[in-house]
Amino acid sequence: MGPASAAEMAAVKWLLGSPADVIAPVWNAVKSYAIVPVLRFSLYLCLLWSFLLFVEWVHMMFLAALAKLMRRRHAERYKWEPLRDDLEGGSLDFPMVLVQIPIYNEIEVYKISIGAACRLSWPVDRLVVQVLDDSTDLVIKGLSMDESLFMFQKSFNFSNLQLRFSRDVIGCALCQISSMLGLSLQDKIEKECMRWASEGINIRYQLREGRKGYKAGALKEGLKRDYVKECEYVAIFDADFQPEADFLRRAMPVLIQNPEVALVQARWRFVNANECFLTRMQEISLDFQFVIEQEGGSSIHSFFSFNGSGGVWRLGAIDDAGGWNDRTTVEDMDLALRAGLMGWKFVFLGDIEVRSELPSTFKAYRSQQHRWSCGPANLFRKMVIGIVKNKDISLSRKFYMIYNFFFIRKVVGTMFAFVFYCVVLPLVSLMPEVDYPKWGAIVATLIIATVNTSISTPRSFYMAIPWVLFENIMSFHRTKALMIGLFEAKRANEWIVTEKLGDAFEGKSRAEFSAPKGPRQLKHLRERILLQELGIASFLFACGCHGIFYGHDRYYLYLFPQAIFFTIAGFGYFGTIVPSCPELS
């Protein structure tokens, strides 16, 4: 038999072979020449990111430790003498301070911040409280009947009222009552302002037509008022923030006695940190930001991002930086960055705390994290060239802003956890050709997480492992938002106000709020189910099952818990579950 005949016989044998005989060589070729090289490259890239993040973690911990050890020396960098009431000079020795409170449909909490601002210990004739209301009519303008009924119940505390009328009749009654009695949220907020004005507080109520620029637009519009020209400083508090009465007395000396300081930022404390698992996880993340990132950034670099609330700005610095800008959804970071490029310094006052509320529903938290991840990425895209070309700051500060502040923390740090632990490593577990000591990466992460929680939130050190698993889920959402911001996609400027429940459930059991029934129950269930999370959970579960039968490193001990966490997120069971249509009973 000649060579041609042998080749023909081989071809016939290949054609008549079993499907497995046909597919196996093709799969092996694709795997060897495409999948394995790409996976190996992804692994090496993630290992590089891991090394850079570890170096940045060591850097931040070193700065935070240095700030603690050298607190007294750093305090000497700035003058700080308590303000005293001068019997001869009177209140004229105190500068004029404007307090801005931006509000948008936050019916549950608006009284909290207005009351706290009006109780600040500062001469009444040197304080202006400005309530910036972007709210819309909750009953007539766009709210669903379910939400309108809920707001109606909460607004008037009809916890025991039996409403036996049809939904149409109730809806018509709500609209008529709102029209006749003025029961819109704007009227309620204005009435609260008038109540404080009657007690001698200089409080101004400002209502905008439209929401152009969102929060940045409201703050910018508020600074245009004639009476603001007399003010030298502005304190900003979101609607759920509750500063202590001595807040200005403790924060203002740093600004008054140090003309190079543009901003003082207080630490946030959370009134509902113990409400549920979701709020405990947020507390750990935010405490790390305050105790480690901002403490070190303030003490060593005199720069960090304004948190949007709980801080006091020098109005001259805001003007010098070009004022509020609404080009991204992180107007606070935008302003801080532009002021930092002008050479202004920022001071973090960790011993001054302002109480606030954490979002306690998973939907609200996801919306918040979308804005907090998409906004910085979009801002980085728009400002990186400006930072490079800036001639007013040192090269080391430029490097800190571009590399440490943006690239490592806002870009790499945002997507690393999900990409590495939920995509690359699970795929590596399926490919013995790409071997890597996976448990080394897991254990190192858990050790770092334990150190972080022990330092920033000592009471939650035992929750380090759940925190890592939960952060991997949130890294998935943040990665999507990061890409939207970097490429300025459709949702890059999406702004959804973070829902706060306030005292909506105070003194009431969950039994008073019955679950929706019938078609509305099905709709409510569909809104809670997140198919992407469930898909990732299925993928991780499959990788874990593969590890049981074919793996040798027991990596499934991590994959299964992570799959469970994604499943819980996929069914919307993290956080407080607020019924879409509470029963008025």
Protein backbone atom coordinates (compact mmCIF):
# COMPACT_ATOMS: atom_id res chain seq x y z
CA MET A 1 0.00 0.00 0.00
CA GLY A 2 1.50 3.35 -1.08
CA PRO A 3 1.64 6.59 0.92
CA ALA A 4 -1.44 7.93 -0.91
CA SER A 5 -3.47 4.88 0.00
CA ALA A 6 -2.38 5.15 3.65
CA ALA A 7 -3.46 8.79 3.73
CA GLU A 8 -6.80 7.90 2.17
CA MET A 9 -7.38 5.18 4.74
CA ALA A 10 -6.54 7.59 7.58
CA ALA A 11 -8.98 10.15 6.19
CA VAL A 12 -11.72 7.54 5.90
CA LYS A 13 -11.01 6.35 9.43
CA TRP A 14 -11.22 9.94 10.73
CA LEU A 15 -14.49 10.54 8.88
CA LEU A 16 -16.05 7.34 10.11
CA GLY A 17 -14.78 7.71 13.66
CA SER A 18 -16.90 8.47 16.72
CA PRO A 19 -17.78 12.10 17.60
CA ALA A 20 -15.40 11.94 20.55
CA ASP A 21 -12.56 11.00 18.24
CA VAL A 22 -13.40 14.02 16.07
CA ILE A 23 -13.96 16.59 18.81
CA ALA A 24 -11.08 15.66 21.12
CA PRO A 25 -8.22 16.66 18.77
CA VAL A 26 -9.98 19.92 17.89
CA TRP A 27 -10.59 20.75 21.56
CA ASN A 28 -7.00 19.92 22.49
CA ALA A 29 -5.71 22.15 19.72
CA VAL A 30 -7.94 25.07 20.70
CA LYS A 31 -7.04 24.62 24.34
CA SER A 32 -3.30 24.40 23.69
CA TYR A 33 -3.00 27.28 21.24
CA ALA A 34 -5.74 29.66 22.46
CA ILE A 35 -7.32 29.04 25.86
CA VAL A 36 -4.23 28.07 27.87
CA PRO A 37 -2.05 30.97 26.61
CA VAL A 38 -4.83 33.51 27.25
CA LEU A 39 -5.52 32.06 30.69
CA ARG A 40 -1.82 32.00 31.54
CA PHE A 41 -1.47 35.65 30.46
CA SER A 42 -4.54 36.59 32.55
CA LEU A 43 -3.05 34.79 35.54
CA TYR A 44 0.29 36.59 35.22
CA LEU A 45 -1.52 39.92 34.81
CA CYS A 46 -3.57 39.27 37.95
CA LEU A 47 -0.43 38.30 39.84
CA LEU A 48 1.13 41.60 38.80
CA TRP A 49 -1.98 43.44 39.98
CA SER A 50 -1.85 41.47 43.21
CA PHE A 51 1.74 42.52 43.81
CA LEU A 52 0.96 46.20 43.08
CA LEU A 53 -2.06 46.12 45.39
CA PHE A 54 0.01 44.49 48.14
CA VAL A 55 2.65 47.20 47.82
CA GLU A 56 -0.07 49.86 47.95
CA TRP A 57 -1.60 48.17 51.01
CA VAL A 58 1.78 48.20 52.76
CA HIS A 59 2.19 51.85 51.73
CA MET A 60 -1.22 52.83 53.14
CA MET A 61 -0.68 50.90 56.37
CA PHE A 62 2.73 52.51 56.79
CA LEU A 63 1.29 56.00 56.29
CA ALA A 64 -1.57 55.31 58.70
CA ALA A 65 0.83 53.93 61.32
CA LEU A 66 3.13 56.91 60.82
CA ALA A 67 0.17 59.25 61.22
CA LYS A 68 -0.75 57.57 64.51
CA LEU A 69 2.81 57.53 65.88
CA MET A 70 3.52 61.08 64.81
CA ARG A 71 0.09 62.54 65.47
CA ARG A 72 1.47 65.28 67.68
CA ARG A 73 4.13 66.27 65.15
CA HIS A 74 1.61 66.35 62.31
CA ALA A 75 -0.72 68.44 64.49
CA GLU A 76 2.06 70.99 64.78
CA ARG A 77 1.94 71.47 60.98
CA TYR A 78 -1.31 73.37 61.45
CA LYS A 79 -2.32 75.96 63.99
CA TRP A 80 -5.24 74.89 66.09
CA GLU A 81 -6.55 76.89 69.02
CA PRO A 82 -10.11 76.49 70.33
CA LEU A 83 -12.50 79.31 69.52
CA ARG A 84 -13.63 81.29 72.55
CA ASP A 85 -16.54 83.64 72.93
CA ASP A 86 -15.21 87.18 73.16
CA LEU A 87 -17.39 89.23 75.47
CA GLU A 88 -16.06 92.48 73.99
CA GLY A 89 -15.94 91.56 70.32
CA GLY A 90 -19.11 89.53 70.52
CA SER A 91 -19.98 87.20 67.64
CA LEU A 92 -18.09 89.31 65.10
CA ASP A 93 -14.96 87.29 65.90
CA PHE A 94 -16.69 84.25 64.37
CA PRO A 95 -16.71 83.97 60.57
CA MET A 96 -19.94 83.64 58.64
CA VAL A 97 -20.64 79.98 57.91
CA LEU A 98 -23.12 78.62 55.39
CA VAL A 99 -24.59 75.15 55.99
CA GLN A 100 -25.95 73.50 52.83
CA ILE A 101 -28.36 70.56 53.01
CA PRO A 102 -29.23 69.09 49.56
CA ILE A 103 -32.46 67.06 49.59
CA TYR A 104 -34.24 65.00 46.96
CA ASN A 105 -37.44 63.14 47.92
CA GLU A 106 -35.92 61.98 51.21
CA ILE A 107 -39.10 62.07 53.22
CA GLU A 108 -37.85 59.70 55.90
CA VAL A 109 -34.77 61.69 56.97
CA TYR A 110 -35.04 65.36 56.00
CA LYS A 111 -35.93 66.48 59.53
CA ILE A 112 -32.78 64.85 60.89
CA SER A 113 -30.25 67.01 59.07
CA ILE A 114 -32.29 70.21 59.26
CA GLY A 115 -32.69 69.82 63.01
CA ALA A 116 -29.03 68.95 63.57
CA ALA A 117 -27.85 71.92 61.48
CA CYS A 118 -30.11 74.33 63.33
CA ARG A 119 -28.78 73.09 66.68
CA LEU A 120 -25.12 73.76 65.81
CA SER A 121 -23.32 75.69 68.52
CA TRP A 122 -22.41 78.80 66.55
CA PRO A 123 -23.55 82.42 66.92
CA VAL A 124 -26.98 82.68 65.32
CA ASP A 125 -26.10 85.87 63.46
CA ARG A 126 -23.00 84.19 61.96
CA LEU A 127 -24.77 81.08 60.65
CA VAL A 128 -26.96 80.55 57.58
CA VAL A 129 -28.69 77.21 57.04
CA GLN A 130 -29.61 76.66 53.40
CA VAL A 131 -31.97 73.82 52.48
CA LEU A 132 -31.61 72.96 48.80
CA ASP A 133 -34.74 71.08 47.80
CA ASP A 134 -34.87 69.25 44.47
CA SER A 135 -37.84 67.14 45.55
CA THR A 136 -40.84 66.42 43.35
CA ASP A 137 -44.43 65.80 44.39
CA LEU A 138 -44.40 62.19 45.59
CA VAL A 139 -48.08 61.50 44.94
CA ILE A 140 -48.77 63.28 41.69
CA LYS A 141 -45.42 63.21 39.87
CA GLY A 142 -44.42 59.74 38.85
CA LEU A 143 -44.61 57.64 42.02
CA SER A 144 -46.41 54.32 41.77
CA MET A 145 -49.60 53.69 43.69
CA ASP A 146 -47.82 51.17 45.91
CA GLU A 147 -45.17 53.72 46.86
CA SER A 148 -47.75 56.48 47.27
CA LEU A 149 -49.74 54.36 49.72
CA PHE A 150 -46.54 53.56 51.62
CA MET A 151 -45.54 57.24 51.78
CA PHE A 152 -49.10 58.15 52.84
CA GLN A 153 -48.96 55.67 55.70
CA LYS A 154 -45.52 56.78 56.88
CA SER A 155 -46.27 60.48 56.54
CA PHE A 156 -49.37 60.37 58.71
CA ASN A 157 -48.59 57.32 60.87
CA PHE A 158 -51.80 55.51 59.94
CA SER A 159 -50.48 52.25 61.33
CA ASN A 160 -53.89 51.11 62.62
CA LEU A 161 -56.12 52.61 59.96
CA GLN A 162 -58.16 50.05 58.03
CA LEU A 163 -58.39 51.20 54.42
CA ARG A 164 -61.06 49.07 52.77
CA PHE A 165 -61.62 51.17 49.67
CA SER A 166 -60.47 50.17 46.22
CA ARG A 167 -57.04 51.23 45.05
CA ASP A 168 -58.56 53.61 42.48
CA VAL A 169 -60.65 55.38 45.11
CA ILE A 170 -57.66 55.67 47.45
CA GLY A 171 -55.45 56.95 44.65
CA CYS A 172 -58.00 59.58 43.67
CA ALA A 173 -58.36 60.59 47.32
CA LEU A 174 -54.59 60.93 47.71
CA CYS A 175 -54.34 63.21 44.70
CA GLN A 176 -57.29 65.32 45.86
CA ILE A 177 -55.91 65.63 49.40
CA SER A 178 -52.48 66.53 48.07
CA SER A 179 -53.98 69.16 45.80
CA MET A 180 -56.25 70.70 48.45
CA LEU A 181 -54.00 70.55 51.50
CA GLY A 182 -50.60 70.81 49.89
CA LEU A 183 -49.25 67.54 51.18
CA SER A 184 -46.27 67.46 48.82
CA LEU A 185 -42.82 66.86 50.23
CA GLN A 186 -41.76 70.38 49.25
CA ASP A 187 -44.47 71.80 51.49
CA LYS A 188 -43.46 69.57 54.38
CA ILE A 189 -39.79 70.59 54.08
CA GLU A 190 -40.66 74.27 53.76
CA LYS A 191 -42.92 74.00 56.80
CA GLU A 192 -40.05 72.47 58.79
CA CYS A 193 -37.80 75.36 57.74
CA MET A 194 -40.43 77.88 58.78
CA ARG A 195 -40.67 76.19 62.18
CA TRP A 196 -36.95 76.67 62.79
CA ALA A 197 -37.07 80.23 61.43
CA SER A 198 -39.71 81.03 64.03
CA GLU A 199 -37.17 80.03 66.68
CA GLY A 200 -34.69 82.60 65.44
CA ILE A 201 -32.58 80.46 63.08
CA ASN A 202 -31.44 82.08 59.83
CA ILE A 203 -32.65 79.29 57.57
CA ARG A 204 -33.36 79.64 53.86
CA TYR A 205 -35.47 77.26 51.79
CA GLN A 206 -34.47 77.05 48.11
CA LEU A 207 -36.55 75.09 45.60
CA ARG A 208 -35.24 74.45 42.08
CA GLU A 209 -37.20 73.82 38.93
CA GLY A 210 -35.69 70.66 37.49
CA ARG A 211 -32.63 68.75 38.63
CA LYS A 212 -29.98 69.95 36.20
CA GLY A 213 -26.58 68.87 37.48
CA TYR A 214 -28.15 66.83 40.30
CA LYS A 215 -26.39 67.48 43.62
CA ALA A 216 -23.61 69.55 42.04
CA GLY A 217 -26.22 71.70 40.33
CA ALA A 218 -28.09 72.25 43.59
CA LEU A 219 -24.94 73.20 45.52
CA LYS A 220 -23.78 75.50 42.73
CA GLU A 221 -27.17 77.20 42.51
CA GLY A 222 -27.20 77.68 46.27
CA LEU A 223 -23.88 79.55 46.22
CA LYS A 224 -25.31 82.11 43.76
CA ARG A 225 -27.66 83.61 46.33
CA ASP A 226 -26.89 87.19 47.43
CA TYR A 227 -26.79 86.39 51.13
CA VAL A 228 -24.04 83.79 50.53
CA LYS A 229 -21.60 86.57 49.57
CA GLU A 230 -21.19 87.36 53.27
CA CYS A 231 -20.10 83.78 54.07
CA GLU A 232 -16.49 82.59 54.14
CA TYR A 233 -17.03 78.86 54.68
CA VAL A 234 -19.60 76.25 53.77
CA ALA A 235 -20.42 73.04 55.63
CA ILE A 236 -22.23 70.34 53.64
CA PHE A 237 -24.47 67.64 55.10
CA ASP A 238 -26.61 65.17 53.18
CA ALA A 239 -30.19 64.69 54.33
CA ASP A 240 -29.40 61.76 56.65
CA PHE A 241 -26.38 63.34 58.39
CA GLN A 242 -26.48 64.42 62.01
CA PRO A 243 -23.53 66.58 63.12
CA GLU A 244 -23.03 67.08 66.83
CA ALA A 245 -23.76 70.53 68.24
CA ASP A 246 -20.04 71.29 68.67
CA PHE A 247 -19.10 70.25 65.12
CA LEU A 248 -18.25 73.75 63.89
CA ARG A 249 -16.51 74.69 67.13
CA ARG A 250 -14.11 71.77 66.66
CA ALA A 251 -13.69 71.84 62.88
CA MET A 252 -13.50 75.54 62.09
CA PRO A 253 -10.24 76.44 63.95
CA VAL A 254 -8.16 74.48 61.44
CA LEU A 255 -9.65 76.45 58.54
CA ILE A 256 -9.63 79.83 60.27
CA GLN A 257 -6.03 79.64 61.51
CA ASN A 258 -4.49 77.96 58.43
CA PRO A 259 -5.22 79.90 55.23
CA GLU A 260 -3.62 77.19 53.04
CA VAL A 261 -6.25 74.61 54.10
CA ALA A 262 -9.27 74.32 51.81
CA LEU A 263 -11.18 71.44 53.41
CA VAL A 264 -11.61 69.69 56.71
CA GLN A 265 -13.34 66.31 56.57
CA ALA A 266 -14.91 64.60 59.58
CA ARG A 267 -15.26 60.86 59.99
CA TRP A 268 -18.60 59.20 59.38
CA ARG A 269 -20.27 57.01 61.97
CA PHE A 270 -23.31 54.93 61.16
CA VAL A 271 -26.50 54.87 63.18
CA ASN A 272 -27.73 51.64 61.57
CA ALA A 273 -24.48 49.67 61.32
CA ASN A 274 -26.03 46.83 63.34
CA GLU A 275 -29.23 46.66 61.31
CA CYS A 276 -28.27 43.73 59.09
CA PHE A 277 -25.39 41.85 57.50
CA LEU A 278 -25.25 44.32 54.61
CA THR A 279 -24.70 47.33 56.85
CA ARG A 280 -22.01 45.49 58.83
CA MET A 281 -20.11 44.84 55.59
CA GLN A 282 -20.37 48.49 54.58
CA GLU A 283 -19.12 49.62 57.96
CA ILE A 284 -15.94 47.56 57.56
CA SER A 285 -15.26 48.95 54.07
CA LEU A 286 -15.90 52.59 54.97
CA ASP A 287 -14.01 52.43 58.27
CA PHE A 288 -10.96 51.19 56.35
CA GLN A 289 -11.31 54.15 53.99
CA PHE A 290 -11.38 56.62 56.87
CA VAL A 291 -8.86 55.06 59.27
CA ILE A 292 -6.28 53.96 56.71
CA GLU A 293 -6.69 55.79 53.38
CA GLN A 294 -7.79 59.26 54.45
CA GLU A 295 -5.82 59.40 57.69
CA GLY A 296 -2.60 58.61 55.84
CA GLY A 297 -3.43 60.79 52.83
CA SER A 298 -4.16 63.76 55.07
CA SER A 299 -1.11 63.40 57.30
CA ILE A 300 1.50 62.76 54.61
CA HIS A 301 0.18 64.09 51.29
CA SER A 302 -2.40 66.66 52.53
CA PHE A 303 -4.72 65.30 49.84
CA PHE A 304 -7.69 62.94 49.75
CA SER A 305 -11.12 62.93 48.17
CA PHE A 306 -13.92 64.93 49.74
CA ASN A 307 -16.61 62.46 50.80
CA GLY A 308 -19.50 64.69 49.73
CA SER A 309 -20.84 65.26 53.24
CA GLY A 310 -19.63 65.88 56.77
CA GLY A 311 -16.98 68.41 55.73
CA VAL A 312 -16.34 72.16 55.67
CA TRP A 313 -14.95 73.99 52.64
CA ARG A 314 -13.34 77.39 52.34
CA LEU A 315 -15.49 79.21 49.78
CA GLY A 316 -12.41 80.92 48.35
CA ALA A 317 -10.95 77.50 47.53
CA ILE A 318 -14.16 76.42 45.77
CA ASP A 319 -14.07 79.57 43.65
CA ASP A 320 -10.35 79.12 42.98
CA ALA A 321 -10.97 75.57 41.74
CA GLY A 322 -13.73 76.69 39.37
CA GLY A 323 -16.75 75.83 41.51
CA TRP A 324 -18.97 72.76 41.40
CA ASN A 325 -18.95 70.77 38.16
CA ASP A 326 -21.61 68.25 37.11
CA ARG A 327 -19.61 66.49 34.36
CA THR A 328 -19.45 63.28 36.43
CA THR A 329 -21.48 61.68 39.24
CA VAL A 330 -18.67 62.32 41.76
CA GLU A 331 -18.83 66.09 42.00
CA ASP A 332 -17.19 65.92 45.44
CA MET A 333 -14.10 64.10 44.14
CA ASP A 334 -13.99 66.37 41.09
CA LEU A 335 -13.88 69.52 43.23
CA ALA A 336 -11.30 68.04 45.61
CA LEU A 337 -9.05 67.03 42.73
CA ARG A 338 -9.21 70.46 41.08
CA ALA A 339 -8.54 72.19 44.40
CA GLY A 340 -5.64 69.83 45.07
CA LEU A 341 -4.16 70.72 41.67
CA MET A 342 -4.29 74.37 42.72
CA GLY A 343 -2.08 73.56 45.72
CA TRP A 344 -4.75 73.64 48.42
CA LYS A 345 -4.34 71.30 51.40
CA PHE A 346 -6.93 69.03 53.03
CA VAL A 347 -7.11 67.90 56.65
CA PHE A 348 -8.90 64.81 57.91
CA LEU A 349 -10.18 65.14 61.48
CA GLY A 350 -10.77 61.57 62.59
CA ASP A 351 -11.71 62.55 66.13
CA ILE A 352 -14.74 64.52 64.88
CA GLU A 353 -17.57 62.17 63.96
CA VAL A 354 -20.80 62.79 62.09
CA ARG A 355 -23.61 60.27 62.30
CA SER A 356 -25.22 59.09 59.09
CA GLU A 357 -27.24 56.21 57.69
CA LEU A 358 -26.02 53.35 55.52
CA PRO A 359 -28.21 52.03 52.69
CA SER A 360 -29.84 48.92 54.09
CA THR A 361 -31.35 47.46 50.92
CA PHE A 362 -29.21 45.63 48.38
CA LYS A 363 -30.75 47.54 45.49
CA ALA A 364 -29.90 50.91 47.06
CA TYR A 365 -26.37 49.78 47.87
CA ARG A 366 -25.78 48.55 44.31
CA SER A 367 -26.94 51.89 42.93
CA GLN A 368 -24.64 53.74 45.28
CA GLN A 369 -21.65 51.58 44.40
CA HIS A 370 -22.35 52.02 40.69
CA ARG A 371 -22.08 55.78 41.14
CA TRP A 372 -19.01 55.54 43.38
CA SER A 373 -17.17 53.30 40.88
CA CYS A 374 -18.35 54.72 37.58
CA GLY A 375 -17.80 58.34 38.60
CA PRO A 376 -14.10 58.08 39.57
CA ALA A 377 -13.31 56.10 36.42
CA ASN A 378 -15.04 58.71 34.29
CA LEU A 379 -13.25 61.50 36.16
CA PHE A 380 -9.90 59.76 35.68
CA ARG A 381 -10.57 59.62 31.95
CA LYS A 382 -11.30 63.35 31.85
CA MET A 383 -8.57 64.64 34.17
CA VAL A 384 -5.48 62.47 33.77
CA ILE A 385 -4.03 64.68 31.03
CA GLY A 386 -4.71 67.79 33.10
CA ILE A 387 -2.90 66.30 36.07
CA VAL A 388 0.13 65.45 33.94
CA LYS A 389 0.30 68.97 32.49
CA ASN A 390 -0.29 70.77 35.79
CA LYS A 391 2.60 73.00 36.88
CA ASP A 392 1.34 74.06 40.31
CA ILE A 393 2.05 70.84 42.20
CA SER A 394 5.13 68.69 42.73
CA LEU A 395 5.98 65.62 40.70
CA SER A 396 5.49 63.40 43.75
CA ARG A 397 1.95 64.72 44.26
CA LYS A 398 1.16 64.13 40.59
CA PHE A 399 2.40 60.56 40.93
CA TYR A 400 0.31 60.07 44.08
CA MET A 401 -2.86 61.37 42.36
CA ILE A 402 -2.46 59.39 39.14
CA TYR A 403 -0.95 56.13 40.36
CA ASN A 404 -1.95 55.69 44.01
CA PHE A 405 -5.24 57.54 44.13
CA PHE A 406 -6.68 56.69 40.71
CA PHE A 407 -4.93 53.79 38.98
CA ILE A 408 -4.33 51.44 41.90
CA ARG A 409 -7.28 52.23 44.18
CA LYS A 410 -9.99 53.25 41.73
CA VAL A 411 -9.15 51.09 38.71
CA VAL A 412 -7.08 48.02 39.64
CA GLY A 413 -8.48 47.76 43.16
CA THR A 414 -12.04 47.94 41.84
CA MET A 415 -11.90 45.02 39.44
CA PHE A 416 -9.14 42.81 40.85
CA ALA A 417 -11.18 40.83 43.38
CA PHE A 418 -13.83 39.68 40.92
CA VAL A 419 -11.52 39.09 37.95
CA PHE A 420 -8.95 37.11 39.94
CA TYR A 421 -11.01 35.19 42.50
CA CYS A 422 -14.23 34.66 40.55
CA VAL A 423 -13.00 34.28 36.96
CA VAL A 424 -9.31 33.52 36.54
CA LEU A 425 -8.67 31.20 39.49
CA PRO A 426 -11.84 29.12 38.92
CA LEU A 427 -10.84 28.70 35.27
CA VAL A 428 -7.31 27.80 36.32
CA SER A 429 -8.78 25.06 38.50
CA LEU A 430 -10.26 23.53 35.33
CA MET A 431 -6.95 23.62 33.46
CA PRO A 432 -4.16 21.51 34.98
CA GLU A 433 -1.86 22.93 32.27
CA VAL A 434 -1.95 26.29 34.09
CA ASP A 435 -0.84 25.37 37.58
CA TYR A 436 -0.77 27.91 40.39
CA PRO A 437 -0.79 27.59 44.21
CA LYS A 438 -4.30 29.00 44.52
CA TRP A 439 -4.56 28.57 48.27
CA GLY A 440 -1.58 30.89 48.68
CA ALA A 441 -3.58 33.73 47.14
CA ILE A 442 -6.69 32.92 49.20
CA VAL A 443 -4.84 32.69 52.53
CA ALA A 444 -2.87 35.89 51.86
CA THR A 445 -6.11 37.73 51.12
CA LEU A 446 -7.76 36.45 54.28
CA ILE A 447 -4.76 37.51 56.38
CA ILE A 448 -4.83 41.02 54.89
CA ALA A 449 -8.61 41.23 55.39
CA THR A 450 -8.26 40.18 59.03
CA VAL A 451 -5.59 42.83 59.62
CA ASN A 452 -7.76 45.47 57.94
CA THR A 453 -10.85 44.71 60.00
CA SER A 454 -8.86 44.40 63.24
CA ILE A 455 -7.42 47.88 62.76
CA SER A 456 -10.34 49.79 61.23
CA THR A 457 -13.34 47.97 62.78
CA PRO A 458 -12.02 45.85 65.68
CA ARG A 459 -15.47 44.66 66.73
CA SER A 460 -15.89 42.93 63.33
CA PHE A 461 -12.54 41.17 63.03
CA TYR A 462 -14.29 37.78 63.06
CA MET A 463 -16.25 38.77 59.95
CA ALA A 464 -13.15 39.02 57.75
CA ILE A 465 -14.01 35.90 55.71
CA PRO A 466 -17.66 36.88 55.02
CA TRP A 467 -16.41 40.37 54.17
CA VAL A 468 -14.01 38.99 51.53
CA LEU A 469 -16.76 36.85 49.97
CA PHE A 470 -19.18 39.77 49.95
CA GLU A 471 -16.60 42.19 48.51
CA ASN A 472 -15.99 39.77 45.64
CA ILE A 473 -19.67 40.10 44.76
CA MET A 474 -19.57 43.87 44.94
CA SER A 475 -16.38 43.86 42.87
CA PHE A 476 -18.49 42.39 40.06
CA HIS A 477 -20.89 45.35 40.18
CA ARG A 478 -18.06 47.84 40.55
CA THR A 479 -16.20 46.34 37.59
CA LYS A 480 -19.24 46.83 35.35
CA ALA A 481 -19.53 50.44 36.56
CA LEU A 482 -15.79 50.96 36.08
CA MET A 483 -15.98 49.95 32.43
CA ILE A 484 -19.02 52.18 31.88
CA GLY A 485 -17.12 55.12 33.34
CA LEU A 486 -13.85 54.49 31.51
CA PHE A 487 -15.56 54.16 28.13
CA GLU A 488 -18.26 56.74 28.98
CA ALA A 489 -21.07 54.38 28.08
CA LYS A 490 -24.79 55.03 28.33
CA ARG A 491 -25.11 54.89 32.14
CA ALA A 492 -21.94 56.92 32.84
CA ASN A 493 -23.91 59.89 34.21
CA GLU A 494 -26.74 57.94 35.82
CA TRP A 495 -27.63 59.41 39.20
CA ILE A 496 -29.96 57.55 41.55
CA VAL A 497 -30.30 59.00 45.03
CA THR A 498 -29.40 56.37 47.62
CA GLU A 499 -32.56 55.26 49.39
CA LYS A 500 -32.56 55.76 53.14
CA LEU A 501 -35.27 54.23 55.33
CA GLY A 502 -34.84 56.49 58.34
CA ASP A 503 -37.42 55.56 60.93
CA ALA A 504 -39.79 53.99 58.42
CA PHE A 505 -39.86 50.74 60.41
CA GLU A 506 -39.25 52.21 63.84
CA GLY A 507 -41.53 50.67 66.40
CA LYS A 508 -43.17 48.38 63.85
CA SER A 509 -42.79 44.69 63.33
CA ARG A 510 -42.33 43.18 59.89
CA ALA A 511 -45.70 41.49 60.34
CA GLU A 512 -47.34 44.91 59.91
CA PHE A 513 -46.02 44.99 56.37
CA SER A 514 -47.49 42.02 54.57
CA ALA A 515 -45.88 40.80 51.39
CA PRO A 516 -47.55 41.58 48.06
CA LYS A 517 -49.85 38.92 46.70
CA GLY A 518 -50.88 37.67 43.29
CA PRO A 519 -49.39 39.35 40.20
CA ARG A 520 -47.66 41.98 42.33
CA GLN A 521 -45.88 39.26 44.28
CA LEU A 522 -44.54 37.80 41.03
CA LYS A 523 -43.42 41.26 39.87
CA HIS A 524 -41.72 41.91 43.21
CA LEU A 525 -39.90 38.58 42.95
CA ARG A 526 -38.74 39.32 39.40
CA GLU A 527 -37.34 42.68 40.51
CA ARG A 528 -35.30 41.01 43.23
CA ILE A 529 -33.80 38.20 41.13
CA LEU A 530 -30.43 39.05 39.58
CA LEU A 531 -29.70 36.61 36.77
CA GLN A 532 -26.06 37.63 36.35
CA GLU A 533 -25.25 36.79 39.98
CA LEU A 534 -27.06 33.47 39.68
CA GLY A 535 -25.10 32.71 36.51
CA ILE A 536 -21.80 33.38 38.27
CA ALA A 537 -22.95 31.24 41.20
CA SER A 538 -23.68 28.36 38.81
CA PHE A 539 -20.26 28.74 37.20
CA LEU A 540 -18.47 28.68 40.57
CA PHE A 541 -20.55 25.72 41.72
CA ALA A 542 -19.65 23.79 38.55
CA CYS A 543 -15.97 24.57 39.08
CA GLY A 544 -16.28 23.35 42.66
CA CYS A 545 -17.89 20.10 41.57
CA HIS A 546 -15.11 19.60 39.03
CA GLY A 547 -12.58 20.16 41.82
CA ILE A 548 -14.17 17.46 43.97
CA PHE A 549 -13.82 14.78 41.29
CA TYR A 550 -10.72 15.88 39.43
CA GLY A 551 -8.91 18.49 41.53
CA HIS A 552 -6.09 17.90 43.96
CA ASP A 553 -5.87 21.15 45.92
CA ARG A 554 -9.35 21.29 47.54
CA TYR A 555 -9.97 24.70 46.00
CA TYR A 556 -13.67 23.86 46.12
CA LEU A 557 -13.58 24.77 49.82
CA TYR A 558 -13.47 28.37 48.64
CA LEU A 559 -15.61 28.00 45.50
CA PHE A 560 -18.69 26.62 47.24
CA PRO A 561 -18.97 29.39 49.90
CA GLN A 562 -18.42 32.01 47.21
CA ALA A 563 -21.12 30.38 45.06
CA ILE A 564 -23.49 30.47 48.04
CA PHE A 565 -22.87 34.19 48.54
CA PHE A 566 -23.54 34.89 44.86
CA THR A 567 -26.73 32.84 45.11
CA ILE A 568 -27.93 34.87 48.10
CA ALA A 569 -27.18 38.06 46.18
CA GLY A 570 -28.90 36.65 43.08
CA PHE A 571 -32.15 36.16 45.00
CA GLY A 572 -31.84 39.59 46.65
CA TYR A 573 -31.58 38.40 50.24
CA PHE A 574 -28.75 40.69 51.37
CA GLY A 575 -29.91 43.63 53.43
CA THR A 576 -33.32 44.73 54.60
CA ILE A 577 -36.17 43.59 52.36
CA VAL A 578 -38.72 46.36 51.97
CA PRO A 579 -42.05 45.25 50.51
CA SER A 580 -43.00 47.01 47.31
CA CYS A 581 -46.59 47.43 48.54
CA PRO A 582 -47.01 47.47 52.32
CA GLU A 583 -50.43 46.66 53.68
CA LEU A 584 -52.00 49.55 55.52
CA SER A 585 -53.25 47.94 58.65
